């Protein structure tokens, strides 16, 4: 998978299907969740979606009930989010919205999930020198039109 953004243009992800020998045993995603436990951290997900597939997600990281205000950069950002659609594994890698007035311990993302379905969301964040992954199940509702791509 290659993930990049064209100067003054859209973000793009390019990929290809790979075939691997062996028995494939897919499992269904759990019911949608808004909280995930990862290595002693509790991560909360709040999301707002539009009918065009645009999604704004905020992930809040807590440890022992306290907001973790000293997340460390991982691959140049306070976190990374991957969304994979159940069934066909359509993929979106989302970079955080970098805002100067962001709340410490909260990482915000803007994504485009342009087709309805159940998604696995995987949020990577770094704290105390270790990368942790919180996972969620998220249902994207009907998408009535695709967002306009600006070029």
N, C-alpha and C. Protein backbone atom coordinates (compact mmCIF):
# COMPACT_ATOMS: atom_id res chain seq x y z
N UNK A 1 0.84 -1.17 0.00
CA UNK A 1 0.00 0.00 0.00
C UNK A 1 0.89 1.23 0.00
N UNK A 2 0.58 2.17 -0.86
CA UNK A 2 1.25 3.46 -0.90
C UNK A 2 0.21 4.53 -0.58
N UNK A 3 0.55 5.44 0.29
CA UNK A 3 -0.38 6.45 0.77
C UNK A 3 0.32 7.79 0.64
N UNK A 4 -0.29 8.74 -0.08
CA UNK A 4 0.36 10.02 -0.31
C UNK A 4 -0.68 11.09 -0.62
N UNK A 5 -0.22 12.34 -0.63
CA UNK A 5 -1.09 13.45 -1.00
C UNK A 5 -0.39 14.28 -2.06
N UNK A 6 -1.14 14.62 -3.11
CA UNK A 6 -0.64 15.47 -4.18
C UNK A 6 -0.65 16.91 -3.68
N UNK A 7 0.40 17.70 -3.99
CA UNK A 7 0.42 19.11 -3.59
C UNK A 7 -0.87 19.78 -4.01
N UNK A 8 -1.53 20.42 -3.06
CA UNK A 8 -2.80 21.11 -3.31
C UNK A 8 -3.84 20.20 -3.96
N UNK A 9 -3.78 18.91 -3.66
CA UNK A 9 -4.72 17.96 -4.25
C UNK A 9 -5.19 16.93 -3.24
N UNK A 10 -5.79 15.87 -3.74
CA UNK A 10 -6.38 14.87 -2.84
C UNK A 10 -5.33 13.94 -2.24
N UNK A 11 -5.72 13.31 -1.14
CA UNK A 11 -4.94 12.22 -0.58
C UNK A 11 -5.30 10.96 -1.35
N UNK A 12 -4.30 10.15 -1.63
CA UNK A 12 -4.53 8.94 -2.40
C UNK A 12 -3.87 7.75 -1.71
N UNK A 13 -4.47 6.58 -1.90
CA UNK A 13 -3.88 5.32 -1.44
C UNK A 13 -3.94 4.35 -2.60
N UNK A 14 -2.79 3.80 -2.95
CA UNK A 14 -2.72 2.83 -4.04
C UNK A 14 -2.38 1.47 -3.45
N UNK A 15 -3.00 0.43 -3.96
CA UNK A 15 -2.74 -0.90 -3.45
C UNK A 15 -3.04 -1.95 -4.48
N UNK A 16 -2.77 -3.17 -4.12
CA UNK A 16 -3.04 -4.30 -5.00
C UNK A 16 -3.43 -5.49 -4.14
N UNK A 17 -4.15 -6.41 -4.73
CA UNK A 17 -4.52 -7.63 -4.03
C UNK A 17 -3.38 -8.63 -4.12
N UNK A 18 -3.13 -9.35 -3.06
CA UNK A 18 -2.13 -10.40 -3.02
C UNK A 18 -2.82 -11.71 -2.69
N UNK A 19 -2.37 -12.78 -3.31
CA UNK A 19 -2.90 -14.10 -3.03
C UNK A 19 -1.86 -14.87 -2.24
N UNK A 20 -2.29 -15.48 -1.16
CA UNK A 20 -1.40 -16.24 -0.30
C UNK A 20 -1.99 -17.64 -0.15
N UNK A 21 -1.15 -18.64 -0.28
CA UNK A 21 -1.62 -20.02 -0.14
C UNK A 21 -2.04 -20.28 1.31
N UNK A 22 -3.01 -21.16 1.49
CA UNK A 22 -3.44 -21.53 2.84
C UNK A 22 -4.94 -21.43 2.97
N UNK A 23 -5.42 -21.81 4.14
CA UNK A 23 -6.85 -21.77 4.43
C UNK A 23 -7.22 -20.40 4.97
N UNK A 24 -8.12 -19.73 4.28
CA UNK A 24 -8.59 -18.41 4.70
C UNK A 24 -9.84 -18.60 5.53
N UNK A 25 -9.81 -18.13 6.75
CA UNK A 25 -10.95 -18.25 7.67
C UNK A 25 -11.31 -16.87 8.20
N UNK A 26 -12.10 -16.14 7.44
CA UNK A 26 -12.46 -14.80 7.91
C UNK A 26 -13.35 -14.88 9.14
N UNK A 27 -13.23 -13.88 9.98
CA UNK A 27 -14.09 -13.79 11.16
C UNK A 27 -14.87 -12.49 11.06
N UNK A 28 -16.06 -12.52 11.58
CA UNK A 28 -16.91 -11.32 11.57
C UNK A 28 -16.39 -10.32 12.60
N UNK A 29 -16.57 -9.05 12.29
CA UNK A 29 -16.23 -8.01 13.26
C UNK A 29 -17.26 -8.02 14.38
N UNK A 30 -16.83 -7.64 15.56
CA UNK A 30 -17.74 -7.51 16.70
C UNK A 30 -18.73 -6.39 16.44
N UNK A 31 -19.68 -6.24 17.33
CA UNK A 31 -20.64 -5.14 17.26
C UNK A 31 -19.88 -3.81 17.38
N UNK A 32 -20.45 -2.72 16.85
CA UNK A 32 -19.79 -1.41 16.94
C UNK A 32 -19.43 -1.06 18.38
N UNK A 33 -18.28 -0.42 18.53
CA UNK A 33 -17.76 -0.07 19.84
C UNK A 33 -17.29 1.38 19.85
N UNK A 34 -17.33 1.98 21.02
CA UNK A 34 -16.80 3.34 21.15
C UNK A 34 -15.67 3.40 22.18
N UNK A 35 -15.33 2.24 22.75
CA UNK A 35 -14.24 2.17 23.72
C UNK A 35 -13.39 0.95 23.42
N UNK A 36 -12.07 1.11 23.55
CA UNK A 36 -11.15 0.02 23.33
C UNK A 36 -10.11 0.02 24.44
N UNK A 37 -9.75 -1.17 24.91
CA UNK A 37 -8.67 -1.33 25.87
C UNK A 37 -7.44 -1.82 25.13
N UNK A 38 -6.31 -1.15 25.34
CA UNK A 38 -5.07 -1.51 24.66
C UNK A 38 -3.91 -1.37 25.64
N UNK A 39 -3.39 -2.48 26.11
CA UNK A 39 -2.20 -2.47 26.97
C UNK A 39 -2.35 -1.58 28.20
N UNK A 40 -3.51 -1.59 28.82
CA UNK A 40 -3.74 -0.78 30.01
C UNK A 40 -4.24 0.63 29.73
N UNK A 41 -4.40 0.98 28.48
CA UNK A 41 -4.95 2.28 28.08
C UNK A 41 -6.40 2.10 27.69
N UNK A 42 -7.23 3.08 28.00
CA UNK A 42 -8.61 3.10 27.54
C UNK A 42 -8.71 4.21 26.50
N UNK A 43 -9.16 3.83 25.31
CA UNK A 43 -9.27 4.79 24.22
C UNK A 43 -10.74 4.92 23.85
N UNK A 44 -11.22 6.15 23.85
CA UNK A 44 -12.61 6.42 23.49
C UNK A 44 -12.70 6.99 22.08
N UNK A 45 -13.73 6.59 21.36
CA UNK A 45 -13.96 7.06 20.00
C UNK A 45 -15.27 7.82 19.95
N UNK A 46 -15.23 9.05 19.43
CA UNK A 46 -16.45 9.78 19.09
C UNK A 46 -16.33 10.11 17.61
N UNK A 47 -17.44 9.96 16.90
CA UNK A 47 -17.39 10.16 15.46
C UNK A 47 -18.64 10.87 14.97
N UNK A 48 -18.45 11.74 14.00
CA UNK A 48 -19.55 12.39 13.30
C UNK A 48 -19.38 12.07 11.83
N UNK A 49 -20.48 11.65 11.19
CA UNK A 49 -20.40 11.30 9.77
C UNK A 49 -21.42 12.10 8.98
N UNK A 50 -21.12 12.25 7.70
CA UNK A 50 -22.04 12.95 6.82
C UNK A 50 -22.58 11.98 5.78
N UNK A 51 -23.60 12.40 5.07
CA UNK A 51 -24.19 11.54 4.04
C UNK A 51 -23.28 11.39 2.83
N UNK A 52 -22.22 12.21 2.74
CA UNK A 52 -21.28 12.08 1.63
C UNK A 52 -20.11 11.16 1.97
N UNK A 53 -20.11 10.60 3.17
CA UNK A 53 -19.05 9.69 3.56
C UNK A 53 -17.93 10.33 4.36
N UNK A 54 -18.01 11.63 4.56
CA UNK A 54 -16.98 12.29 5.35
C UNK A 54 -17.17 11.94 6.82
N UNK A 55 -16.06 11.68 7.48
CA UNK A 55 -16.08 11.24 8.87
C UNK A 55 -15.09 12.07 9.66
N UNK A 56 -15.53 12.60 10.78
CA UNK A 56 -14.64 13.26 11.72
C UNK A 56 -14.62 12.39 12.97
N UNK A 57 -13.44 11.93 13.34
CA UNK A 57 -13.29 11.05 14.50
C UNK A 57 -12.32 11.67 15.49
N UNK A 58 -12.66 11.56 16.78
CA UNK A 58 -11.76 11.98 17.84
C UNK A 58 -11.50 10.78 18.72
N UNK A 59 -10.22 10.53 18.98
CA UNK A 59 -9.81 9.43 19.84
C UNK A 59 -9.16 10.02 21.08
N UNK A 60 -9.67 9.63 22.24
CA UNK A 60 -9.20 10.15 23.52
C UNK A 60 -8.50 9.03 24.27
N UNK A 61 -7.26 9.27 24.68
CA UNK A 61 -6.44 8.25 25.33
C UNK A 61 -6.37 8.53 26.83
N UNK A 62 -6.73 7.52 27.62
CA UNK A 62 -6.67 7.61 29.08
C UNK A 62 -5.90 6.40 29.63
N UNK A 63 -5.27 6.62 30.77
CA UNK A 63 -4.59 5.53 31.48
C UNK A 63 -4.89 5.71 32.95
N UNK A 64 -5.39 4.66 33.58
CA UNK A 64 -5.80 4.72 34.99
C UNK A 64 -6.81 5.84 35.22
N UNK A 65 -7.67 6.08 34.22
CA UNK A 65 -8.72 7.09 34.33
C UNK A 65 -8.27 8.51 34.05
N UNK A 66 -6.97 8.71 33.86
CA UNK A 66 -6.44 10.06 33.62
C UNK A 66 -6.12 10.24 32.15
N UNK A 67 -6.40 11.44 31.64
CA UNK A 67 -6.08 11.77 30.26
C UNK A 67 -4.57 11.70 30.06
N UNK A 68 -4.12 11.03 29.00
CA UNK A 68 -2.70 10.95 28.68
C UNK A 68 -2.35 12.19 27.85
N UNK A 69 -1.67 13.14 28.47
CA UNK A 69 -1.41 14.43 27.82
C UNK A 69 -0.05 14.49 27.14
N UNK A 70 0.75 13.41 27.24
CA UNK A 70 2.09 13.44 26.67
C UNK A 70 2.31 12.33 25.64
N UNK A 71 1.34 12.22 24.68
CA UNK A 71 1.53 11.28 23.58
C UNK A 71 2.79 11.69 22.82
N UNK A 72 3.52 10.70 22.32
CA UNK A 72 4.75 10.96 21.60
C UNK A 72 4.51 10.81 20.10
N UNK A 73 5.25 11.55 19.29
CA UNK A 73 5.10 11.39 17.84
C UNK A 73 5.47 9.97 17.42
N UNK A 74 4.68 9.43 16.52
CA UNK A 74 4.93 8.12 15.92
C UNK A 74 4.77 8.29 14.42
N UNK A 75 5.84 8.02 13.68
CA UNK A 75 5.87 8.26 12.24
C UNK A 75 5.44 9.69 11.91
N UNK A 76 5.90 10.63 12.74
CA UNK A 76 5.69 12.04 12.47
C UNK A 76 4.37 12.62 12.91
N UNK A 77 3.55 11.85 13.63
CA UNK A 77 2.24 12.36 14.06
C UNK A 77 1.87 11.78 15.42
N UNK A 78 0.87 12.38 16.07
CA UNK A 78 0.43 11.90 17.38
C UNK A 78 -0.38 10.61 17.29
N UNK A 79 -0.68 10.17 16.09
CA UNK A 79 -1.40 8.92 15.93
C UNK A 79 -1.69 8.66 14.47
N UNK A 80 -2.04 7.43 14.17
CA UNK A 80 -2.43 7.02 12.82
C UNK A 80 -3.68 6.17 12.94
N UNK A 81 -4.54 6.29 11.95
CA UNK A 81 -5.79 5.54 11.95
C UNK A 81 -5.92 4.81 10.61
N UNK A 82 -6.22 3.52 10.69
CA UNK A 82 -6.48 2.71 9.50
C UNK A 82 -7.91 2.21 9.60
N UNK A 83 -8.64 2.30 8.49
CA UNK A 83 -10.01 1.77 8.42
C UNK A 83 -10.04 0.70 7.34
N UNK A 84 -10.58 -0.48 7.68
CA UNK A 84 -10.71 -1.57 6.71
C UNK A 84 -12.15 -2.05 6.72
N UNK A 85 -12.77 -2.07 5.53
CA UNK A 85 -14.17 -2.47 5.42
C UNK A 85 -14.27 -3.99 5.44
N UNK A 86 -15.20 -4.51 6.22
CA UNK A 86 -15.44 -5.95 6.29
C UNK A 86 -15.88 -6.46 4.92
N UNK A 87 -15.49 -7.64 4.61
CA UNK A 87 -15.91 -8.26 3.35
C UNK A 87 -14.87 -8.13 2.28
N UNK A 88 -14.54 -6.90 1.87
CA UNK A 88 -13.57 -6.74 0.78
C UNK A 88 -12.27 -6.08 1.23
N UNK A 89 -12.19 -5.70 2.50
CA UNK A 89 -11.01 -5.08 3.09
C UNK A 89 -10.57 -3.80 2.40
N UNK A 90 -11.55 -3.04 1.86
CA UNK A 90 -11.24 -1.71 1.34
C UNK A 90 -10.53 -0.94 2.46
N UNK A 91 -9.54 -0.15 2.11
CA UNK A 91 -8.58 0.38 3.07
C UNK A 91 -8.51 1.90 3.01
N UNK A 92 -8.43 2.52 4.16
CA UNK A 92 -8.15 3.96 4.24
C UNK A 92 -7.16 4.19 5.37
N UNK A 93 -6.05 4.85 5.08
CA UNK A 93 -5.07 5.25 6.09
C UNK A 93 -5.26 6.74 6.29
N UNK A 94 -5.54 7.13 7.51
CA UNK A 94 -5.93 8.50 7.78
C UNK A 94 -4.91 9.16 8.69
N UNK A 95 -4.47 10.34 8.31
CA UNK A 95 -3.54 11.11 9.13
C UNK A 95 -4.32 12.06 10.02
N UNK A 96 -3.79 12.38 11.19
CA UNK A 96 -4.53 13.26 12.09
C UNK A 96 -4.60 14.69 11.57
N UNK A 97 -5.63 15.37 12.05
CA UNK A 97 -5.78 16.79 11.79
C UNK A 97 -4.84 17.48 12.76
N UNK A 98 -3.87 18.19 12.24
CA UNK A 98 -2.90 18.87 13.09
C UNK A 98 -3.41 20.27 13.37
N UNK A 99 -3.84 20.49 14.59
CA UNK A 99 -4.35 21.80 14.97
C UNK A 99 -3.54 22.34 16.13
N UNK A 100 -3.21 23.61 16.08
CA UNK A 100 -2.41 24.22 17.13
C UNK A 100 -3.08 24.21 18.48
N UNK A 101 -4.41 24.23 18.49
CA UNK A 101 -5.13 24.28 19.77
C UNK A 101 -5.74 22.92 20.13
N UNK A 102 -5.15 21.84 19.64
CA UNK A 102 -5.66 20.50 19.92
C UNK A 102 -5.56 20.21 21.42
N UNK A 103 -6.50 19.45 21.91
CA UNK A 103 -6.49 19.05 23.32
C UNK A 103 -5.49 17.92 23.52
N UNK A 104 -4.53 18.07 24.44
CA UNK A 104 -3.59 16.98 24.69
C UNK A 104 -4.34 15.71 25.08
N UNK A 105 -3.90 14.58 24.52
CA UNK A 105 -4.55 13.30 24.80
C UNK A 105 -5.70 12.98 23.86
N UNK A 106 -6.04 13.93 22.97
CA UNK A 106 -7.12 13.72 22.00
C UNK A 106 -6.52 13.90 20.60
N UNK A 107 -6.72 12.89 19.75
CA UNK A 107 -6.22 12.94 18.38
C UNK A 107 -7.43 12.94 17.45
N UNK A 108 -7.51 13.95 16.58
CA UNK A 108 -8.65 14.09 15.67
C UNK A 108 -8.25 13.70 14.26
N UNK A 109 -9.20 13.10 13.54
CA UNK A 109 -8.98 12.65 12.17
C UNK A 109 -10.16 13.07 11.30
N UNK A 110 -9.88 13.40 10.05
CA UNK A 110 -10.91 13.59 9.02
C UNK A 110 -10.68 12.50 7.99
N UNK A 111 -11.71 11.74 7.68
CA UNK A 111 -11.59 10.64 6.73
C UNK A 111 -12.75 10.67 5.75
N UNK A 112 -12.61 9.90 4.68
CA UNK A 112 -13.69 9.71 3.73
C UNK A 112 -13.93 8.21 3.59
N UNK A 113 -15.04 7.74 4.13
CA UNK A 113 -15.46 6.35 3.97
C UNK A 113 -16.66 6.42 3.03
N UNK A 114 -16.41 6.31 1.74
CA UNK A 114 -17.41 6.64 0.74
C UNK A 114 -18.35 5.50 0.38
N UNK A 115 -18.35 4.43 1.16
CA UNK A 115 -19.35 3.38 0.96
C UNK A 115 -19.80 2.86 2.32
N UNK A 116 -21.07 2.52 2.37
CA UNK A 116 -21.64 2.03 3.63
C UNK A 116 -21.04 0.66 3.96
N UNK A 117 -21.03 0.36 5.24
CA UNK A 117 -20.56 -0.96 5.65
C UNK A 117 -19.98 -0.92 7.04
N UNK A 118 -19.57 -2.09 7.49
CA UNK A 118 -18.92 -2.23 8.80
C UNK A 118 -17.42 -2.17 8.59
N UNK A 119 -16.76 -1.35 9.39
CA UNK A 119 -15.32 -1.14 9.29
C UNK A 119 -14.63 -1.52 10.59
N UNK A 120 -13.44 -2.06 10.47
CA UNK A 120 -12.53 -2.19 11.59
C UNK A 120 -11.65 -0.95 11.59
N UNK A 121 -11.59 -0.25 12.71
CA UNK A 121 -10.72 0.93 12.84
C UNK A 121 -9.57 0.56 13.77
N UNK A 122 -8.35 0.91 13.37
CA UNK A 122 -7.16 0.58 14.14
C UNK A 122 -6.37 1.86 14.35
N UNK A 123 -6.25 2.26 15.60
CA UNK A 123 -5.61 3.52 15.99
C UNK A 123 -4.29 3.21 16.67
N UNK A 124 -3.18 3.67 16.07
CA UNK A 124 -1.85 3.52 16.65
C UNK A 124 -1.46 4.82 17.33
N UNK A 125 -0.95 4.70 18.55
CA UNK A 125 -0.44 5.86 19.27
C UNK A 125 0.77 5.42 20.09
N UNK A 126 1.63 6.38 20.42
CA UNK A 126 2.86 6.07 21.15
C UNK A 126 2.87 6.80 22.47
N UNK A 127 3.22 6.04 23.53
CA UNK A 127 3.34 6.63 24.87
C UNK A 127 4.40 5.85 25.63
N UNK A 128 5.22 6.55 26.39
CA UNK A 128 6.31 5.93 27.15
C UNK A 128 7.20 5.06 26.27
N UNK A 129 7.44 5.50 25.02
CA UNK A 129 8.36 4.82 24.13
C UNK A 129 7.82 3.57 23.45
N UNK A 130 6.53 3.27 23.65
CA UNK A 130 5.94 2.07 23.08
C UNK A 130 4.72 2.43 22.23
N UNK A 131 4.60 1.79 21.07
CA UNK A 131 3.43 1.99 20.21
C UNK A 131 2.34 1.02 20.63
N UNK A 132 1.13 1.53 20.77
CA UNK A 132 -0.04 0.74 21.17
C UNK A 132 -1.09 0.85 20.07
N UNK A 133 -1.93 -0.18 19.95
CA UNK A 133 -2.99 -0.18 18.95
C UNK A 133 -4.32 -0.44 19.62
N UNK A 134 -5.24 0.49 19.43
CA UNK A 134 -6.62 0.34 19.91
C UNK A 134 -7.49 0.01 18.70
N UNK A 135 -8.40 -0.95 18.85
CA UNK A 135 -9.25 -1.33 17.72
C UNK A 135 -10.72 -1.12 18.06
N UNK A 136 -11.47 -0.76 17.03
CA UNK A 136 -12.90 -0.46 17.15
C UNK A 136 -13.63 -1.08 15.97
N UNK A 137 -14.92 -1.28 16.14
CA UNK A 137 -15.80 -1.60 15.03
C UNK A 137 -16.69 -0.39 14.83
N UNK A 138 -16.85 0.01 13.57
CA UNK A 138 -17.59 1.23 13.25
C UNK A 138 -18.49 0.94 12.06
N UNK A 139 -19.76 1.33 12.15
CA UNK A 139 -20.69 1.18 11.04
C UNK A 139 -20.84 2.50 10.33
N UNK A 140 -20.50 2.50 9.04
CA UNK A 140 -20.72 3.68 8.19
C UNK A 140 -22.09 3.51 7.57
N UNK A 141 -22.94 4.48 7.78
CA UNK A 141 -24.30 4.43 7.25
C UNK A 141 -24.33 4.66 5.75
N UNK A 142 -25.53 4.76 5.19
CA UNK A 142 -25.66 4.96 3.74
C UNK A 142 -24.94 6.23 3.29
N UNK A 143 -24.29 6.12 2.15
CA UNK A 143 -23.60 7.26 1.55
C UNK A 143 -24.38 7.63 0.30
N UNK A 144 -24.95 8.83 0.30
CA UNK A 144 -25.85 9.21 -0.80
C UNK A 144 -25.11 9.85 -1.97
N UNK A 145 -23.94 10.42 -1.71
CA UNK A 145 -23.16 10.99 -2.80
C UNK A 145 -21.71 11.09 -2.34
N UNK A 146 -20.80 10.98 -3.28
CA UNK A 146 -19.39 11.08 -2.94
C UNK A 146 -19.00 12.54 -2.76
N UNK A 147 -18.05 12.82 -1.87
CA UNK A 147 -17.61 14.21 -1.71
C UNK A 147 -16.91 14.69 -2.97
N UNK A 148 -16.96 15.99 -3.19
CA UNK A 148 -16.27 16.58 -4.34
C UNK A 148 -14.77 16.51 -4.12
N UNK A 149 -14.03 16.08 -5.15
CA UNK A 149 -12.57 16.09 -5.07
C UNK A 149 -12.08 17.41 -5.65
N UNK A 150 -11.28 18.11 -4.88
CA UNK A 150 -10.73 19.38 -5.34
C UNK A 150 -9.37 19.12 -5.96
N UNK A 151 -9.15 19.69 -7.10
CA UNK A 151 -7.86 19.52 -7.79
C UNK A 151 -7.23 20.87 -8.02
